[in-house]
N, C-alpha and C. Protein backbone atom coordinates (compact mmCIF):
# COMPACT_ATOMS: atom_id res chain seq x y z
N UNK A 1 78.03 122.38 112.51
CA UNK A 1 79.11 121.40 113.27
C UNK A 1 80.12 120.88 112.13
N UNK A 2 81.49 121.09 112.37
CA UNK A 2 82.40 120.39 111.45
C UNK A 2 82.21 120.74 109.89
N UNK A 3 81.92 121.95 109.72
CA UNK A 3 81.68 122.36 108.30
C UNK A 3 83.04 122.11 107.61
N UNK A 4 84.16 122.48 108.09
CA UNK A 4 85.36 122.32 107.20
C UNK A 4 85.46 120.98 106.89
N UNK A 5 85.46 120.12 107.80
CA UNK A 5 85.72 118.53 107.63
C UNK A 5 84.58 118.06 106.55
N UNK A 6 83.35 118.56 106.67
CA UNK A 6 82.45 117.88 105.71
C UNK A 6 82.78 118.51 104.37
N UNK A 7 83.24 119.62 104.17
CA UNK A 7 83.73 120.13 102.73
C UNK A 7 84.86 119.33 102.32
N UNK A 8 85.74 118.88 103.23
CA UNK A 8 86.88 118.13 102.89
C UNK A 8 86.56 116.73 102.36
N UNK A 9 85.43 116.11 103.02
CA UNK A 9 84.90 114.87 102.59
C UNK A 9 84.34 114.87 101.22
N UNK A 10 83.55 115.93 100.96
CA UNK A 10 82.85 116.08 99.60
C UNK A 10 84.05 116.28 98.58
N UNK A 11 85.00 117.07 98.89
CA UNK A 11 85.99 117.21 97.88
C UNK A 11 86.78 115.80 97.59
N UNK A 12 86.86 115.03 98.72
CA UNK A 12 87.70 113.74 98.56
C UNK A 12 86.67 112.87 97.60
N UNK A 13 85.35 113.08 97.78
CA UNK A 13 84.52 112.15 97.11
C UNK A 13 84.51 112.58 95.61
N UNK A 14 84.63 113.84 95.35
CA UNK A 14 84.79 114.27 93.94
C UNK A 14 85.93 113.74 93.31
N UNK A 15 87.16 113.61 94.15
CA UNK A 15 88.29 112.91 93.47
C UNK A 15 88.21 111.44 93.26
N UNK A 16 87.35 110.76 93.97
CA UNK A 16 87.05 109.44 93.60
C UNK A 16 86.44 109.29 92.21
N UNK A 17 85.53 110.14 92.03
CA UNK A 17 84.96 110.12 90.63
C UNK A 17 86.04 110.56 89.58
N UNK A 18 86.86 111.46 89.84
CA UNK A 18 87.81 111.87 88.96
C UNK A 18 88.84 110.97 88.46
N UNK A 19 89.21 109.87 89.43
CA UNK A 19 90.20 108.94 89.35
C UNK A 19 89.48 107.63 88.88
N UNK A 20 88.17 107.72 88.66
CA UNK A 20 87.46 106.47 88.30
C UNK A 20 87.39 105.36 89.16
N UNK A 21 87.28 105.67 90.48
CA UNK A 21 87.02 104.83 91.46
C UNK A 21 85.54 104.44 91.78
N UNK A 22 84.70 105.55 91.35
CA UNK A 22 83.34 105.33 91.74
C UNK A 22 82.58 105.89 90.23
N UNK A 23 81.32 105.57 90.29
CA UNK A 23 80.48 106.21 89.37
C UNK A 23 79.42 106.68 89.89
N UNK A 24 78.81 108.12 89.61
CA UNK A 24 77.61 108.68 90.07
C UNK A 24 77.68 108.64 91.63
N UNK A 25 76.59 108.02 92.23
CA UNK A 25 76.62 107.94 93.73
C UNK A 25 77.30 106.72 94.37
N UNK A 26 78.11 106.02 93.62
CA UNK A 26 78.83 104.89 94.32
C UNK A 26 79.68 105.35 95.50
N UNK A 27 79.87 104.15 96.24
CA UNK A 27 80.79 104.24 97.33
C UNK A 27 80.24 105.16 98.39
N UNK A 28 81.27 105.48 99.42
CA UNK A 28 81.05 106.35 100.57
C UNK A 28 82.30 106.74 101.22
N UNK A 29 82.36 107.93 102.01
CA UNK A 29 83.45 108.37 102.71
C UNK A 29 83.13 108.52 104.24
N UNK A 30 83.85 108.30 105.15
CA UNK A 30 83.55 108.68 106.47
C UNK A 30 84.76 109.00 107.30
N UNK A 31 84.68 109.78 108.16
CA UNK A 31 85.67 110.57 109.00
C UNK A 31 85.40 110.52 110.50
N UNK A 32 86.48 110.12 111.36
CA UNK A 32 86.25 110.17 112.74
C UNK A 32 86.73 111.69 113.19
N UNK A 33 86.03 112.48 114.02
CA UNK A 33 86.42 113.59 114.63
C UNK A 33 87.16 113.31 115.88
N UNK A 34 88.18 114.16 116.19
CA UNK A 34 88.93 114.10 117.46
C UNK A 34 88.07 113.96 118.69
N UNK A 35 86.81 114.36 118.58
CA UNK A 35 85.95 114.44 119.82
C UNK A 35 85.07 113.19 119.68
N UNK A 36 85.20 112.30 118.64
CA UNK A 36 84.54 111.01 118.69
C UNK A 36 83.47 110.71 117.59
N UNK A 37 82.73 111.84 117.24
CA UNK A 37 81.86 111.78 116.22
C UNK A 37 82.25 111.26 114.81
N UNK A 38 81.33 110.72 114.13
CA UNK A 38 81.73 110.06 112.92
C UNK A 38 80.87 110.73 111.75
N UNK A 39 81.57 111.36 110.81
CA UNK A 39 80.92 112.08 109.63
C UNK A 39 80.77 111.07 108.60
N UNK A 40 79.59 110.86 107.99
CA UNK A 40 79.20 109.85 106.98
C UNK A 40 78.55 110.50 105.73
N UNK A 41 78.90 110.18 104.53
CA UNK A 41 78.07 110.79 103.36
C UNK A 41 76.83 110.14 103.31
N UNK A 42 76.00 110.92 102.73
CA UNK A 42 74.62 110.40 102.58
C UNK A 42 74.33 109.42 101.52
N UNK A 43 73.18 108.67 101.54
CA UNK A 43 73.06 107.55 100.76
C UNK A 43 72.49 108.03 99.47
N UNK A 44 73.04 107.62 98.14
CA UNK A 44 72.44 107.73 97.00
C UNK A 44 72.60 109.09 96.35
N UNK A 45 73.47 109.87 96.77
CA UNK A 45 73.72 111.26 96.26
C UNK A 45 75.05 111.44 95.54
N UNK A 46 75.00 112.13 94.48
CA UNK A 46 76.23 112.27 93.74
C UNK A 46 77.22 113.27 94.44
N UNK A 47 78.42 113.15 94.58
CA UNK A 47 79.44 114.00 95.16
C UNK A 47 79.52 115.42 94.75
N UNK A 48 79.28 115.63 93.64
CA UNK A 48 79.46 116.94 92.97
C UNK A 48 78.17 117.69 93.32
N UNK A 49 77.00 117.24 93.60
CA UNK A 49 75.89 117.73 94.09
C UNK A 49 75.71 117.91 95.65
N UNK A 50 76.47 117.35 96.32
CA UNK A 50 76.46 117.49 97.75
C UNK A 50 76.84 118.96 98.35
N UNK A 51 76.26 119.30 99.42
CA UNK A 51 76.71 120.52 100.22
C UNK A 51 76.94 120.09 101.65
N UNK A 52 77.51 120.80 102.51
CA UNK A 52 77.85 120.47 103.81
C UNK A 52 76.68 119.90 104.58
N UNK A 53 75.58 120.40 104.34
CA UNK A 53 74.46 120.23 105.18
C UNK A 53 73.93 118.65 104.90
N UNK A 54 74.44 118.30 103.75
CA UNK A 54 73.98 116.83 103.32
C UNK A 54 74.66 115.71 104.15
N UNK A 55 75.78 115.96 104.70
CA UNK A 55 76.57 115.15 105.50
C UNK A 55 75.88 114.88 106.76
N UNK A 56 76.06 113.55 107.26
CA UNK A 56 75.27 113.05 108.47
C UNK A 56 76.43 112.87 109.62
N UNK A 57 76.01 113.45 110.79
CA UNK A 57 77.00 113.35 111.91
C UNK A 57 76.36 112.25 112.89
N UNK A 58 77.31 111.36 113.30
CA UNK A 58 76.67 110.16 114.02
C UNK A 58 77.60 109.86 115.09
N UNK A 59 76.90 109.31 116.14
CA UNK A 59 77.77 108.73 117.23
C UNK A 59 78.47 107.48 116.87
N UNK A 60 79.37 106.92 117.68
CA UNK A 60 80.04 105.60 117.26
C UNK A 60 79.12 104.47 117.41
N UNK A 61 78.06 104.75 118.24
CA UNK A 61 77.13 103.47 118.21
C UNK A 61 75.98 103.74 117.26
N UNK A 62 75.89 104.75 116.26
CA UNK A 62 75.11 104.78 115.24
C UNK A 62 73.84 105.72 115.44
N UNK A 63 73.81 106.51 116.52
CA UNK A 63 72.80 107.60 116.60
C UNK A 63 73.10 108.82 115.84
N UNK A 64 72.16 109.34 115.21
CA UNK A 64 72.32 110.50 114.26
C UNK A 64 72.29 111.79 115.27
N UNK A 65 73.38 112.47 115.14
CA UNK A 65 73.55 113.73 116.04
C UNK A 65 73.16 115.06 115.37
N UNK A 66 73.43 114.90 114.01
CA UNK A 66 73.23 116.05 113.01
C UNK A 66 73.00 115.71 111.62
N UNK A 67 71.95 116.14 110.89
CA UNK A 67 71.75 115.84 109.53
C UNK A 67 70.28 115.38 109.42
N UNK A 68 69.65 115.70 108.14
CA UNK A 68 68.44 115.17 107.76
C UNK A 68 68.52 113.97 106.80
N UNK A 69 69.70 113.81 106.20
CA UNK A 69 69.64 112.86 105.14
C UNK A 69 69.86 111.51 105.69
N UNK A 70 69.50 110.44 105.08
CA UNK A 70 69.63 109.06 105.23
C UNK A 70 71.21 108.86 104.96
N UNK A 71 71.89 108.35 105.99
CA UNK A 71 73.34 108.04 105.87
C UNK A 71 73.54 106.68 104.85
N UNK A 72 74.73 106.73 104.29
CA UNK A 72 75.30 105.63 103.39
C UNK A 72 74.73 104.19 103.95
N UNK A 73 74.12 103.38 103.02
CA UNK A 73 73.67 102.11 103.24
C UNK A 73 74.65 101.12 103.86
N UNK A 74 75.93 101.67 103.81
CA UNK A 74 76.96 100.79 104.49
C UNK A 74 77.41 101.32 105.88
N UNK A 75 76.73 102.01 106.41
CA UNK A 75 76.95 102.75 107.69
C UNK A 75 77.22 101.61 108.76
N UNK A 76 76.38 100.58 108.89
CA UNK A 76 76.75 99.50 109.89
C UNK A 76 78.06 99.00 109.88
N UNK A 77 78.56 98.58 108.57
CA UNK A 77 79.87 98.17 108.54
C UNK A 77 80.87 99.12 108.67
N UNK A 78 80.56 100.35 108.26
CA UNK A 78 81.68 101.43 108.48
C UNK A 78 81.76 101.63 110.01
N UNK A 79 80.71 101.65 110.93
CA UNK A 79 80.86 101.94 112.21
C UNK A 79 81.57 100.83 112.93
N UNK A 80 81.43 99.46 112.29
CA UNK A 80 82.13 98.46 113.02
C UNK A 80 83.67 98.59 112.80
N UNK A 81 83.99 99.13 111.64
CA UNK A 81 85.54 99.37 111.58
C UNK A 81 85.98 100.49 112.65
N UNK A 82 85.17 101.55 112.79
CA UNK A 82 85.75 102.47 113.61
C UNK A 82 85.59 102.03 115.02
N UNK A 83 84.61 101.15 115.38
CA UNK A 83 84.49 100.69 116.68
C UNK A 83 85.68 99.88 117.04
N UNK A 84 86.18 98.83 116.14
CA UNK A 84 87.12 97.73 116.40
C UNK A 84 88.55 98.37 115.98
N UNK A 85 88.81 99.37 115.42
CA UNK A 85 90.04 99.93 114.96
C UNK A 85 90.26 101.42 115.42
N UNK A 86 90.61 101.60 116.81
CA UNK A 86 90.63 103.06 117.22
C UNK A 86 91.72 103.88 116.51
N UNK A 87 92.60 103.16 115.92
CA UNK A 87 93.83 103.84 115.17
C UNK A 87 93.16 104.27 113.93
N UNK A 88 92.13 103.83 113.39
CA UNK A 88 91.65 104.28 112.01
C UNK A 88 90.83 105.44 112.08
N UNK A 89 90.92 106.57 111.35
CA UNK A 89 90.36 107.78 111.52
C UNK A 89 89.38 108.08 110.26
N UNK A 90 89.79 107.35 109.16
CA UNK A 90 89.03 107.68 107.88
C UNK A 90 88.80 106.15 107.21
N UNK A 91 87.58 106.02 106.55
CA UNK A 91 87.16 104.97 105.91
C UNK A 91 86.64 105.31 104.55
N UNK A 92 87.23 104.82 103.52
CA UNK A 92 86.62 105.08 102.00
C UNK A 92 86.24 103.66 101.48
N UNK A 93 85.23 103.64 100.85
CA UNK A 93 84.46 102.47 100.19
C UNK A 93 84.31 102.91 98.78
N UNK A 94 84.76 101.94 97.85
CA UNK A 94 84.72 102.36 96.43
C UNK A 94 84.30 101.03 95.67
N UNK A 95 84.02 101.28 94.36
CA UNK A 95 83.61 100.04 93.60
C UNK A 95 84.56 100.11 92.43
N UNK A 96 85.94 100.53 92.58
CA UNK A 96 87.03 100.44 91.66
C UNK A 96 86.99 99.18 90.83
N UNK A 97 86.89 99.38 89.44
CA UNK A 97 86.70 98.04 88.77
C UNK A 97 88.01 97.25 88.71
N UNK A 98 89.12 97.73 88.54
CA UNK A 98 90.35 96.95 88.36
C UNK A 98 90.78 96.21 89.46
N UNK A 99 90.72 96.93 90.68
CA UNK A 99 91.11 96.22 92.20
C UNK A 99 90.19 95.11 92.42
N UNK A 100 88.76 95.49 92.10
CA UNK A 100 87.67 94.42 92.32
C UNK A 100 87.90 93.28 91.55
N UNK A 101 88.40 93.46 90.20
CA UNK A 101 88.45 92.43 89.42
C UNK A 101 89.42 91.29 89.93
N UNK A 102 90.57 91.84 90.75
CA UNK A 102 91.59 90.94 91.24
C UNK A 102 90.91 89.86 92.28
N UNK A 103 89.81 90.16 92.89
CA UNK A 103 89.15 89.42 93.68
C UNK A 103 88.39 88.19 92.96
N UNK A 104 88.32 88.26 91.69
CA UNK A 104 87.65 87.33 91.01
C UNK A 104 88.68 86.34 90.60
N UNK A 105 90.05 86.42 90.82
CA UNK A 105 91.04 85.58 90.36
C UNK A 105 91.88 85.06 91.34
N UNK A 106 91.84 85.75 92.57
CA UNK A 106 92.85 85.24 93.72
C UNK A 106 92.38 85.92 94.98
N UNK A 107 93.13 85.41 96.10
CA UNK A 107 92.72 85.71 97.32
C UNK A 107 93.63 86.89 97.85
N UNK A 108 94.59 87.23 97.28
CA UNK A 108 95.67 88.36 97.72
C UNK A 108 96.19 88.97 96.64
N UNK A 109 96.34 90.31 96.66
CA UNK A 109 97.04 91.15 95.72
C UNK A 109 98.59 91.26 96.44
N UNK A 110 99.53 90.67 95.83
CA UNK A 110 100.98 90.89 96.45
C UNK A 110 101.53 92.13 95.97
N UNK A 111 102.15 92.99 96.72
CA UNK A 111 102.65 94.27 96.48
C UNK A 111 103.98 93.95 95.49
N UNK A 112 103.70 93.45 94.39
CA UNK A 112 104.95 93.26 93.31
C UNK A 112 105.25 94.65 92.61
N UNK A 113 104.40 95.55 92.72
CA UNK A 113 104.73 96.89 92.23
C UNK A 113 105.02 97.78 93.53
N UNK A 114 106.13 98.39 93.57
CA UNK A 114 106.55 99.39 94.73
C UNK A 114 105.40 100.20 95.10
N UNK A 115 104.74 100.81 94.21
CA UNK A 115 103.76 101.79 94.59
C UNK A 115 102.60 101.10 95.53
N UNK A 116 102.25 99.83 95.43
CA UNK A 116 101.24 99.24 96.25
C UNK A 116 101.96 99.00 97.61
N UNK A 117 103.15 98.73 97.77
CA UNK A 117 103.92 98.75 99.13
C UNK A 117 103.92 100.13 99.70
N UNK A 118 104.17 101.04 98.91
CA UNK A 118 104.20 102.35 99.44
C UNK A 118 102.86 102.80 100.06
N UNK A 119 101.81 102.90 99.11
CA UNK A 119 100.50 103.37 99.53
C UNK A 119 99.60 102.43 100.32
N UNK A 120 99.77 101.15 100.30
CA UNK A 120 98.94 100.25 101.24
C UNK A 120 99.70 99.63 102.34
N UNK A 121 100.97 99.88 102.44
CA UNK A 121 101.79 99.10 103.23
C UNK A 121 101.99 97.58 103.21
N UNK A 122 101.89 97.18 101.84
CA UNK A 122 102.14 95.93 101.71
C UNK A 122 101.28 95.24 100.84
N UNK A 123 100.92 93.74 101.04
CA UNK A 123 100.10 93.08 100.26
C UNK A 123 98.59 93.47 100.73
N UNK A 124 97.80 93.46 99.93
CA UNK A 124 96.32 93.75 100.05
C UNK A 124 95.48 92.37 100.00
N UNK A 125 94.69 91.81 100.91
CA UNK A 125 93.94 90.61 100.89
C UNK A 125 92.64 90.84 100.41
N UNK A 126 92.01 89.77 99.83
CA UNK A 126 90.54 89.87 99.33
C UNK A 126 89.77 89.17 100.41
N UNK A 127 88.67 89.70 100.88
CA UNK A 127 87.81 89.07 101.80
C UNK A 127 86.85 88.15 101.02
N UNK A 128 86.22 87.16 101.98
CA UNK A 128 85.14 86.38 101.15
C UNK A 128 83.92 87.46 100.76
N UNK A 129 83.01 86.91 99.99
CA UNK A 129 81.97 87.71 99.68
C UNK A 129 80.91 88.11 100.68
N UNK A 130 80.49 89.31 100.83
CA UNK A 130 79.50 89.57 101.77
C UNK A 130 78.56 90.59 101.13
N UNK A 131 77.35 90.66 101.59
CA UNK A 131 76.39 91.43 101.02
C UNK A 131 76.57 93.02 101.10
N UNK A 132 76.31 93.86 100.19
CA UNK A 132 76.60 95.23 100.21
C UNK A 132 75.60 95.76 101.37
N UNK A 133 76.00 96.73 102.12
CA UNK A 133 75.03 97.16 103.22
C UNK A 133 74.96 96.30 104.57
N UNK A 134 75.91 95.35 104.50
CA UNK A 134 75.89 94.56 105.67
C UNK A 134 76.94 94.75 106.65
N UNK A 135 76.68 94.34 107.94
CA UNK A 135 77.83 94.52 108.87
C UNK A 135 78.97 93.64 108.62
N UNK A 136 78.84 92.57 107.75
CA UNK A 136 80.04 91.61 107.57
C UNK A 136 80.96 92.46 106.62
N UNK A 137 80.57 93.59 105.88
CA UNK A 137 81.54 94.19 105.16
C UNK A 137 82.65 94.77 106.15
N UNK A 138 82.09 95.33 107.19
CA UNK A 138 83.02 96.00 108.28
C UNK A 138 83.75 94.87 108.97
N UNK A 139 83.19 93.81 109.30
CA UNK A 139 83.68 92.87 109.98
C UNK A 139 84.90 92.09 109.27
N UNK A 140 84.69 91.80 108.01
CA UNK A 140 85.67 91.38 107.13
C UNK A 140 86.88 92.33 106.79
N UNK A 141 86.69 93.56 106.80
CA UNK A 141 87.75 94.77 106.77
C UNK A 141 88.48 94.43 107.95
N UNK A 142 88.09 94.42 109.05
CA UNK A 142 88.73 94.29 110.27
C UNK A 142 89.61 93.15 110.35
N UNK A 143 88.87 92.00 109.94
CA UNK A 143 89.49 90.60 110.05
C UNK A 143 90.65 90.58 108.96
N UNK A 144 90.56 91.08 107.85
CA UNK A 144 91.60 90.90 106.77
C UNK A 144 92.57 91.92 106.50
N UNK A 145 92.29 93.16 107.18
CA UNK A 145 93.01 94.44 107.05
C UNK A 145 94.65 94.03 107.49
N UNK A 146 94.69 93.57 108.67
CA UNK A 146 95.98 93.47 109.15
C UNK A 146 96.76 94.86 109.32
N UNK A 147 97.92 94.90 108.84
CA UNK A 147 98.74 96.21 108.85
C UNK A 147 98.52 97.12 107.58
N UNK A 148 97.73 96.55 106.68
CA UNK A 148 97.59 97.19 105.27
C UNK A 148 96.59 98.30 105.54
N UNK A 149 96.54 99.20 104.51
CA UNK A 149 95.43 100.17 104.56
C UNK A 149 94.28 99.91 103.64
N UNK A 150 94.26 98.60 103.10
CA UNK A 150 93.23 98.28 101.89
C UNK A 150 92.69 96.89 102.20
N UNK A 151 91.60 96.53 101.91
CA UNK A 151 91.04 95.18 101.62
C UNK A 151 90.16 95.28 100.35
N UNK A 152 90.28 94.26 99.40
CA UNK A 152 89.17 94.17 98.37
C UNK A 152 88.10 93.22 98.76
N UNK A 153 87.04 93.85 98.71
CA UNK A 153 85.76 92.97 98.96
C UNK A 153 85.29 92.17 97.98
N UNK A 154 85.47 90.84 97.88
CA UNK A 154 85.23 90.00 96.74
C UNK A 154 83.98 90.31 96.05
N UNK A 155 83.98 90.46 94.77
CA UNK A 155 82.86 90.57 93.88
C UNK A 155 81.94 91.98 94.18
N UNK A 156 82.82 92.83 94.79
CA UNK A 156 82.12 94.11 95.33
C UNK A 156 82.86 95.25 95.20
N UNK A 157 83.97 95.47 95.81
CA UNK A 157 84.70 96.80 95.77
C UNK A 157 86.03 96.64 96.67
N UNK A 158 86.28 97.89 97.32
CA UNK A 158 87.37 98.13 98.04
C UNK A 158 87.05 98.94 99.24
N UNK A 159 87.77 98.49 100.19
CA UNK A 159 87.74 99.56 101.54
C UNK A 159 89.15 99.85 101.69
N UNK A 160 89.26 101.33 101.88
CA UNK A 160 90.66 101.61 102.33
C UNK A 160 90.58 102.61 103.77
N UNK A 161 91.50 102.51 104.41
CA UNK A 161 91.41 103.13 105.58
C UNK A 161 92.82 104.15 105.74
N UNK A 162 92.65 104.96 106.85
CA UNK A 162 93.99 105.92 107.20
C UNK A 162 93.68 106.51 108.44
N UNK A 163 94.76 107.20 108.73
CA UNK A 163 94.85 108.21 109.87
C UNK A 163 94.12 109.40 109.41
N UNK A 164 94.07 109.73 108.14
CA UNK A 164 93.47 110.86 107.59
C UNK A 164 92.69 110.45 106.27
N UNK A 165 91.79 111.29 105.76
CA UNK A 165 91.26 111.20 104.36
C UNK A 165 92.34 111.14 103.38
N UNK A 166 93.24 111.81 103.36
CA UNK A 166 94.34 111.87 102.32
C UNK A 166 94.91 110.40 102.36
N UNK A 167 95.21 109.78 103.50
CA UNK A 167 95.95 108.61 103.44
C UNK A 167 95.08 107.49 102.99
N UNK A 168 93.68 107.46 103.28
CA UNK A 168 92.87 106.68 102.73
C UNK A 168 92.65 106.74 101.23
N UNK A 169 92.44 108.03 100.77
CA UNK A 169 92.42 108.23 99.44
C UNK A 169 93.52 107.97 98.54
N UNK A 170 94.78 108.21 98.98
CA UNK A 170 96.02 107.84 98.31
C UNK A 170 96.05 106.14 98.09
N UNK A 171 95.75 105.48 99.20
CA UNK A 171 95.78 104.13 99.23
C UNK A 171 94.65 103.54 98.18
N UNK A 172 93.45 104.09 98.05
CA UNK A 172 92.45 103.75 96.89
C UNK A 172 92.92 104.08 95.51
N UNK A 173 93.44 105.30 95.28
CA UNK A 173 93.94 105.49 94.05
C UNK A 173 95.17 104.76 93.48
N UNK A 174 96.01 104.55 94.33
CA UNK A 174 97.26 103.84 94.02
C UNK A 174 97.06 102.38 93.83
N UNK A 175 96.04 101.91 94.71
CA UNK A 175 95.63 100.52 94.61
C UNK A 175 95.22 100.21 93.13
N UNK A 176 94.25 101.26 92.78
CA UNK A 176 93.77 100.92 91.27
C UNK A 176 94.63 101.10 90.30
N UNK A 177 95.66 101.99 90.46
CA UNK A 177 96.73 101.94 89.49
C UNK A 177 97.52 100.77 89.32
N UNK A 178 97.89 100.30 90.41
CA UNK A 178 98.71 99.12 90.59
C UNK A 178 97.82 98.02 90.03
N UNK A 179 96.43 97.76 90.23
CA UNK A 179 95.82 96.79 89.73
C UNK A 179 95.63 96.76 88.22
N UNK A 180 95.59 98.02 87.60
CA UNK A 180 95.74 98.12 86.27
C UNK A 180 96.92 97.59 85.68
N UNK A 181 97.94 97.91 86.20
CA UNK A 181 99.48 97.47 85.69
C UNK A 181 99.58 95.89 85.75
N UNK A 182 98.93 95.27 86.98
CA UNK A 182 99.15 93.88 87.19
C UNK A 182 98.19 93.05 86.27
N UNK A 183 96.96 93.63 86.00
CA UNK A 183 96.18 92.79 85.21
C UNK A 183 96.67 92.83 83.87
N UNK A 184 97.15 94.04 83.34
CA UNK A 184 97.82 93.96 82.02
C UNK A 184 99.02 93.08 81.81
N UNK A 185 99.82 93.21 82.86
CA UNK A 185 100.97 91.99 82.76
C UNK A 185 100.47 90.72 82.67
N UNK A 186 99.34 90.41 83.75
CA UNK A 186 98.90 88.93 83.78
C UNK A 186 98.33 88.52 82.52
N UNK A 187 97.77 89.47 81.78
CA UNK A 187 97.10 89.13 80.51
C UNK A 187 98.02 88.80 79.42
N UNK A 188 99.33 89.00 79.51
CA UNK A 188 100.37 88.76 78.35
C UNK A 188 101.35 87.78 78.97
N UNK A 189 101.55 87.47 80.20
CA UNK A 189 102.51 86.58 80.52
C UNK A 189 102.59 86.36 82.08
N UNK A 190 103.64 85.71 82.55
CA UNK A 190 103.66 85.29 83.80
C UNK A 190 104.25 86.19 84.70
N UNK A 191 103.72 86.44 85.85
CA UNK A 191 103.98 87.48 86.88
C UNK A 191 105.16 87.20 87.55
N UNK A 192 106.24 88.18 87.48
CA UNK A 192 107.67 88.08 88.39
C UNK A 192 107.16 88.75 89.56
N UNK A 193 107.61 88.05 90.80
CA UNK A 193 107.21 88.50 91.95
C UNK A 193 108.47 89.21 92.79
N UNK A 194 108.29 90.34 93.71
CA UNK A 194 109.05 90.60 94.69
C UNK A 194 109.00 89.67 95.79
N UNK A 195 110.23 89.55 96.52
CA UNK A 195 110.09 88.73 97.67
C UNK A 195 109.61 89.46 98.90
N UNK A 196 109.50 88.90 99.98
CA UNK A 196 108.87 89.47 101.29
C UNK A 196 109.78 90.65 101.68
N UNK A 197 111.17 90.33 101.71
CA UNK A 197 111.92 91.43 102.17
C UNK A 197 111.93 92.63 101.30
N UNK A 198 112.02 92.52 99.86
CA UNK A 198 111.85 93.56 99.01
C UNK A 198 110.58 94.47 99.14
N UNK A 199 109.44 93.69 99.56
CA UNK A 199 108.23 94.29 99.66
C UNK A 199 108.30 95.06 100.93
N UNK A 200 108.77 94.53 102.06
CA UNK A 200 109.06 95.18 103.50
C UNK A 200 109.97 96.40 103.21
N UNK A 201 110.86 96.32 102.27
CA UNK A 201 111.80 97.59 102.10
C UNK A 201 110.95 98.75 101.41
N UNK A 202 109.94 98.49 100.45
CA UNK A 202 109.27 99.44 99.92
C UNK A 202 108.27 100.10 101.02
N UNK A 203 107.82 99.32 101.91
CA UNK A 203 106.87 99.87 102.99
C UNK A 203 107.64 100.85 103.83
N UNK A 204 108.90 100.37 104.25
CA UNK A 204 109.75 101.31 105.09
C UNK A 204 110.13 102.55 104.70
N UNK A 205 110.56 102.53 103.31
CA UNK A 205 111.10 103.68 102.59
C UNK A 205 109.87 104.69 102.50
N UNK A 206 108.63 104.33 102.32
CA UNK A 206 107.67 105.28 102.18
C UNK A 206 107.42 106.12 103.42
N UNK A 207 107.78 105.54 104.59
CA UNK A 207 107.59 106.38 105.86
C UNK A 207 108.49 107.64 105.79
N UNK A 208 109.44 107.84 104.87
CA UNK A 208 110.26 108.94 104.77
C UNK A 208 109.91 109.83 103.62
N UNK A 209 108.88 109.49 102.81
CA UNK A 209 108.49 110.27 101.70
C UNK A 209 107.52 111.32 101.98
N UNK A 210 107.74 112.67 101.44
CA UNK A 210 106.88 113.70 101.76
C UNK A 210 107.74 114.72 102.58
N UNK A 211 107.02 115.83 102.74
CA UNK A 211 107.65 116.93 103.46
C UNK A 211 107.47 116.65 104.85
N UNK A 212 108.26 117.23 105.68
CA UNK A 212 108.38 117.05 107.04
C UNK A 212 108.87 115.74 107.61
N UNK A 213 109.33 114.85 106.76
CA UNK A 213 110.15 113.83 107.10
C UNK A 213 111.57 113.79 106.79
N UNK A 214 112.38 113.16 107.62
CA UNK A 214 113.70 113.11 107.29
C UNK A 214 114.12 112.46 106.12
N UNK A 215 115.54 112.41 105.83
CA UNK A 215 115.98 111.71 104.55
C UNK A 215 115.80 110.27 104.86
N UNK A 216 115.77 109.47 103.80
CA UNK A 216 115.56 107.94 103.71
C UNK A 216 117.03 107.40 104.31
N UNK A 217 116.89 106.73 105.45
CA UNK A 217 118.14 105.95 105.96
C UNK A 217 118.91 105.26 104.92
N UNK A 218 120.24 105.53 104.89
CA UNK A 218 121.04 104.70 103.83
C UNK A 218 120.90 103.36 103.74
N UNK A 219 120.74 102.77 104.98
CA UNK A 219 120.69 101.20 105.13
C UNK A 219 119.34 100.72 104.35
N UNK A 220 118.27 101.52 104.15
CA UNK A 220 117.09 100.95 103.50
C UNK A 220 117.23 101.13 101.88
N UNK A 221 118.44 101.74 101.51
CA UNK A 221 118.37 101.97 100.00
C UNK A 221 119.27 100.86 99.38
N UNK A 222 119.72 99.86 99.95
CA UNK A 222 120.46 98.89 99.40
C UNK A 222 119.66 98.01 98.55
N UNK A 223 120.28 97.22 97.61
CA UNK A 223 119.52 96.24 96.65
C UNK A 223 119.31 94.95 97.42
N UNK A 224 118.22 94.49 97.51
CA UNK A 224 117.82 93.30 98.13
C UNK A 224 117.56 92.23 97.05
N UNK A 225 118.42 91.16 96.93
CA UNK A 225 118.19 90.12 96.01
C UNK A 225 116.99 89.43 95.92
N UNK A 226 116.56 89.11 94.66
CA UNK A 226 115.37 88.37 94.39
C UNK A 226 115.46 87.01 94.24
N UNK A 227 114.53 86.28 94.09
CA UNK A 227 114.65 84.72 94.09
C UNK A 227 115.66 84.39 93.11
N UNK A 228 116.60 83.44 93.43
CA UNK A 228 117.28 82.92 92.40
C UNK A 228 118.78 83.77 92.40
N UNK A 229 118.68 84.91 92.90
CA UNK A 229 119.91 85.78 93.06
C UNK A 229 120.80 85.35 94.30
N UNK A 230 121.97 85.63 94.07
CA UNK A 230 123.03 85.40 95.09
C UNK A 230 122.89 86.46 96.23
N UNK A 231 123.05 85.95 97.47
CA UNK A 231 122.88 86.73 98.62
C UNK A 231 124.15 87.38 98.77
């Protein structure tokens, strides 16, 4: 059942390792099927060593439909996200170090780098601390996500979401890239911010990026003045 999708999840898990977002068996990935089942990675297994039969197929209320492995220890929180956000089809949880470090400093990661606005749909909020493996992980994700595709779980890691694994994976990878740049800048000086309108512009432009989309409307390409500049 769902062999193709199971292999896609394993492939995405190996990319998390490749991009330094997890180490060994850290984190997890889950995917909602069009028929409603949830595919969840097994607990404590390294992605490179997984095969399709290691994946666990579950119902939305947590019953195991297929698979002999123990599902991720974060399954309760993951299912909470799927239950309360029917628009979300993929959830990725990582322990990516640079983005997680931001939660030790502040309550929100503003999209002062256009890539963050592009990949995560704007600012990314940091949740209060919740225990790993708890339903509160999912509850906080739903509460603090808003229109974004990511939240930073304070002192813990990151949750990214999407309408597909690709969208959730892009959010995780580019969030980490932006966090590295932000922390490097903060270490040597004061941060210069984009204003809200500039951030909104980066979000809107990204809707036209990629094959199968039309050209970026000309009205989105104008320069929006920053703070202190003349309108």
